[in-house]
Amino acid sequence: MRKIILSMSVSLDGFIERPDRRIDWHRVDDELHRYFNEHLKGMGAFLSGRVTHELMAEFWPTADADPANAGPMAEFAGIWRDTPKIVFSRTLERADWNTTIMRDVVPEEIMALKAQPGGDLVLSGADLAAAFMAHDLIDEYRVYVHPVLIGRGKPLFPTTDATTALRLAGTRTFGNGVVLLHYRRAEDSATTG
C-alpha cells in the first residue's frame, strides 16, 4: 500500500511561512533542490490544498523556460508537470496540469487512493496536513528545518490533544544548514526506505 508522506520546510521555531505568507527565508540551494527532486520524482501524486496548488501552478509549469532557472530548478519543473496532482478544495472549479480536484478529506477515499498502484503520495500544506492528521492518515513526516527563527507566522502543526507516536527513520544535514528530520509512524518502524 502506498504511503502518505508529509514533506514540509519549517523555520527552527516551527513556522512554514511568515504572517504575510512569505517564504523568502527558505534556504534552498542546488544540493537541497537536487535532494528534493530525487525524493519527489518517484511520487505517485502531489497532494495539496488550493492555496499551495495555485502558488505552484503560477510558477512551475514554465519555470524551465527561463534560463535563470537552470539545473535542479528546471528539472523540478518537469517533475511537477509530469506528476499527477490532487488538490483539495471546496471552491476550485477547475485545475490544469494533470490535476484532480477532491472536495474533502474523506478517510475512505484516501485509503482507496493509497491502495492504488504507483508511488507514494506526498502531502504539503499545514491546513491540509491538519485535516489528514485529524483522520490519522499520515504515514511519514519529512520535515526540513531551516536554520532561521522567524518569530511568528503559520505553524506547521496545529494545537491538538492527540498524541502520535513516531520513530526516527533518518536525518540528513545539508551544506546550507538545513536538517531533514524523517519520522515514520511507530507501528511502521520496521519498514525501511
Protein backbone atom coordinates (compact mmCIF):
# COMPACT_ATOMS: atom_id res chain seq x y z
CA MET A 1 0.00 0.00 0.00
CA ARG A 2 1.22 3.48 -0.84
CA LYS A 3 2.22 5.81 1.98
CA ILE A 4 1.20 9.39 2.62
CA ILE A 5 4.32 11.41 3.33
CA LEU A 6 4.09 14.92 4.75
CA SER A 7 7.00 16.89 3.31
CA MET A 8 7.40 20.47 4.53
CA SER A 9 10.01 23.10 5.22
CA VAL A 10 9.85 24.90 8.57
CA SER A 11 11.78 27.52 10.44
CA LEU A 12 13.56 26.37 13.60
CA ASP A 13 10.67 27.85 15.59
CA GLY A 14 8.16 25.70 13.68
CA PHE A 15 6.58 28.05 11.13
CA ILE A 16 6.00 27.30 7.44
CA GLU A 17 5.52 30.93 6.40
CA ARG A 18 5.60 34.47 7.74
CA PRO A 19 2.29 36.16 8.65
CA ASP A 20 2.28 37.78 5.17
CA ARG A 21 2.69 34.28 3.61
CA ARG A 22 6.29 34.96 2.53
CA ILE A 23 8.78 32.09 2.49
CA ASP A 24 11.81 34.16 1.48
CA TRP A 25 13.69 32.70 4.46
CA HIS A 26 13.84 29.23 2.83
CA ARG A 27 17.42 28.19 2.11
CA VAL A 28 17.02 26.02 -0.96
CA ASP A 29 20.33 25.73 -2.77
CA ASP A 30 21.26 23.31 -5.58
CA GLU A 31 22.19 20.50 -3.15
CA LEU A 32 18.85 20.64 -1.34
CA HIS A 33 16.90 21.09 -4.57
CA ARG A 34 18.60 18.02 -6.09
CA TYR A 35 17.64 16.06 -2.97
CA PHE A 36 14.01 17.26 -3.26
CA ASN A 37 13.98 16.25 -6.93
CA GLU A 38 15.35 12.79 -6.19
CA HIS A 39 12.77 12.26 -3.44
CA LEU A 40 9.81 13.68 -5.38
CA LYS A 41 10.34 12.27 -8.86
CA GLY A 42 9.16 8.82 -7.79
CA MET A 43 5.98 10.01 -6.11
CA GLY A 44 2.62 8.78 -7.31
CA ALA A 45 0.94 12.16 -6.72
CA PHE A 46 1.33 15.52 -5.03
CA LEU A 47 -1.48 16.27 -2.54
CA SER A 48 -2.04 19.93 -1.69
CA GLY A 49 -4.64 22.48 -0.75
CA ARG A 50 -5.89 25.14 -3.13
CA VAL A 51 -3.51 27.90 -1.99
CA THR A 52 -0.40 25.72 -2.28
CA HIS A 53 -1.54 24.32 -5.62
CA GLU A 54 -2.22 27.77 -7.08
CA LEU A 55 1.17 29.06 -5.92
CA MET A 56 2.89 26.08 -7.54
CA ALA A 57 0.82 26.38 -10.72
CA GLU A 58 1.78 30.06 -11.09
CA PHE A 59 5.49 29.26 -11.32
CA TRP A 60 6.41 25.65 -12.09
CA PRO A 61 4.64 24.88 -15.39
CA THR A 62 7.03 27.11 -17.34
CA ALA A 63 9.90 27.62 -14.87
CA ASP A 64 12.30 25.65 -17.07
CA ALA A 65 11.72 28.07 -19.97
CA ASP A 66 13.60 30.77 -18.03
CA PRO A 67 17.40 30.38 -18.39
CA ALA A 68 17.77 31.79 -14.85
CA ASN A 69 16.15 28.60 -13.54
CA ALA A 70 18.72 26.14 -14.86
CA GLY A 71 19.84 22.98 -13.11
CA PRO A 72 17.71 21.47 -10.35
CA MET A 73 15.00 24.13 -10.66
CA ALA A 74 14.49 23.38 -14.34
CA GLU A 75 14.48 19.66 -13.57
CA PHE A 76 11.78 20.13 -10.92
CA ALA A 77 9.55 21.97 -13.40
CA GLY A 78 9.35 18.76 -15.43
CA ILE A 79 8.78 16.65 -12.33
CA TRP A 80 5.95 18.95 -11.23
CA ARG A 81 4.27 18.93 -14.65
CA ASP A 82 4.51 15.15 -15.07
CA THR A 83 3.43 14.08 -11.59
CA PRO A 84 -0.31 13.71 -11.00
CA LYS A 85 -1.64 16.27 -8.57
CA ILE A 86 -4.66 16.17 -6.28
CA VAL A 87 -5.85 19.50 -4.96
CA PHE A 88 -8.29 19.59 -2.05
CA SER A 89 -10.67 22.50 -2.42
CA ARG A 90 -14.35 23.18 -1.91
CA THR A 91 -14.24 26.26 -4.17
CA LEU A 92 -11.87 25.49 -7.05
CA GLU A 93 -13.85 24.82 -10.23
CA ARG A 94 -11.05 23.56 -12.46
CA ALA A 95 -7.34 22.89 -12.35
CA ASP A 96 -4.84 22.25 -15.13
CA TRP A 97 -1.52 20.45 -15.23
CA ASN A 98 -2.54 16.85 -14.59
CA THR A 99 -4.65 17.82 -11.56
CA THR A 100 -7.70 16.20 -9.98
CA ILE A 101 -9.89 18.14 -7.55
CA MET A 102 -11.18 16.48 -4.38
CA ARG A 103 -13.60 18.42 -2.21
CA ASP A 104 -12.87 16.97 1.24
CA VAL A 105 -10.51 14.67 3.08
CA VAL A 106 -12.70 11.58 3.32
CA PRO A 107 -10.78 8.73 5.02
CA GLU A 108 -12.35 6.00 2.87
CA GLU A 109 -11.44 7.87 -0.32
CA ILE A 110 -7.88 8.45 0.90
CA MET A 111 -7.48 4.76 1.80
CA ALA A 112 -8.74 3.83 -1.70
CA LEU A 113 -6.18 6.24 -3.17
CA LYS A 114 -3.43 4.63 -1.08
CA ALA A 115 -4.49 1.18 -2.31
CA GLN A 116 -3.94 2.13 -5.96
CA PRO A 117 -0.69 1.08 -7.64
CA GLY A 118 2.14 3.55 -8.03
CA GLY A 119 4.48 5.64 -5.94
CA ASP A 120 3.82 7.13 -2.54
CA LEU A 121 1.75 10.29 -2.11
CA VAL A 122 3.46 13.47 -0.93
CA LEU A 123 1.39 15.88 1.13
CA SER A 124 2.08 19.58 1.60
CA GLY A 125 0.39 22.50 3.31
CA ALA A 126 -0.31 22.98 7.01
CA ASP A 127 -4.11 23.18 6.75
CA LEU A 128 -4.36 20.06 4.60
CA ALA A 129 -1.86 18.26 6.84
CA ALA A 130 -4.04 19.11 9.85
CA ALA A 131 -7.06 17.53 8.12
CA PHE A 132 -5.03 14.39 7.32
CA MET A 133 -3.69 14.30 10.89
CA ALA A 134 -7.21 14.59 12.31
CA HIS A 135 -8.06 11.35 10.47
CA ASP A 136 -4.70 9.72 11.34
CA LEU A 137 -3.78 9.34 7.65
CA ILE A 138 -0.11 10.39 7.60
CA ASP A 139 2.44 7.55 7.46
CA GLU A 140 5.70 9.53 7.34
CA TYR A 141 6.92 13.01 8.17
CA ARG A 142 9.81 14.64 6.32
CA VAL A 143 10.41 17.97 8.00
CA TYR A 144 13.15 20.18 6.58
CA VAL A 145 14.26 22.52 9.38
CA HIS A 146 15.82 25.73 8.07
CA PRO A 147 18.38 27.48 10.30
CA VAL A 148 16.36 30.61 10.92
CA LEU A 149 13.94 31.92 13.55
CA ILE A 150 11.13 33.98 12.02
CA GLY A 151 9.31 34.79 15.27
CA ARG A 152 5.75 34.27 14.14
CA GLY A 153 3.71 33.01 11.26
CA LYS A 154 1.73 29.91 10.35
CA PRO A 155 2.77 26.87 12.40
CA LEU A 156 3.26 23.53 10.69
CA PHE A 157 1.35 21.56 13.31
CA PRO A 158 -1.99 22.58 14.82
CA THR A 159 -2.72 22.55 18.52
CA THR A 160 -4.30 19.21 19.38
CA ASP A 161 -4.89 16.85 22.27
CA ALA A 162 -3.91 13.84 20.14
CA THR A 163 -0.59 12.03 20.54
CA THR A 164 1.03 10.32 17.57
CA ALA A 165 3.98 8.05 18.35
CA LEU A 166 6.77 8.30 15.77
CA ARG A 167 10.11 6.60 15.20
CA LEU A 168 13.14 8.29 13.72
CA ALA A 169 13.82 6.89 10.24
CA GLY A 170 16.78 9.13 9.50
CA THR A 171 18.34 12.55 9.44
CA ARG A 172 20.43 14.44 6.96
CA THR A 173 22.30 17.70 7.28
CA PHE A 174 22.74 19.74 4.13
CA GLY A 175 25.64 22.12 3.46
CA ASN A 176 23.39 25.18 3.82
CA GLY A 177 22.44 24.22 7.40
CA VAL A 178 19.02 22.71 6.63
CA VAL A 179 18.38 19.50 8.55
CA LEU A 180 15.97 16.80 7.41
CA LEU A 181 14.11 15.03 10.21
CA HIS A 182 12.46 11.90 8.81
CA TYR A 183 9.95 10.08 11.02
CA ARG A 184 7.61 7.15 10.48
CA ARG A 185 4.59 6.07 12.45
CA ALA A 186 5.76 3.94 15.37
CA GLU A 187 3.96 0.83 14.08
CA ASP A 188 5.66 1.29 10.68
CA SER A 189 9.18 1.48 12.13
CA ALA A 190 10.12 -1.97 10.83
CA THR A 191 9.67 -0.69 7.25
CA THR A 192 12.83 0.57 5.57
CA GLY A 193 13.34 3.09 2.81
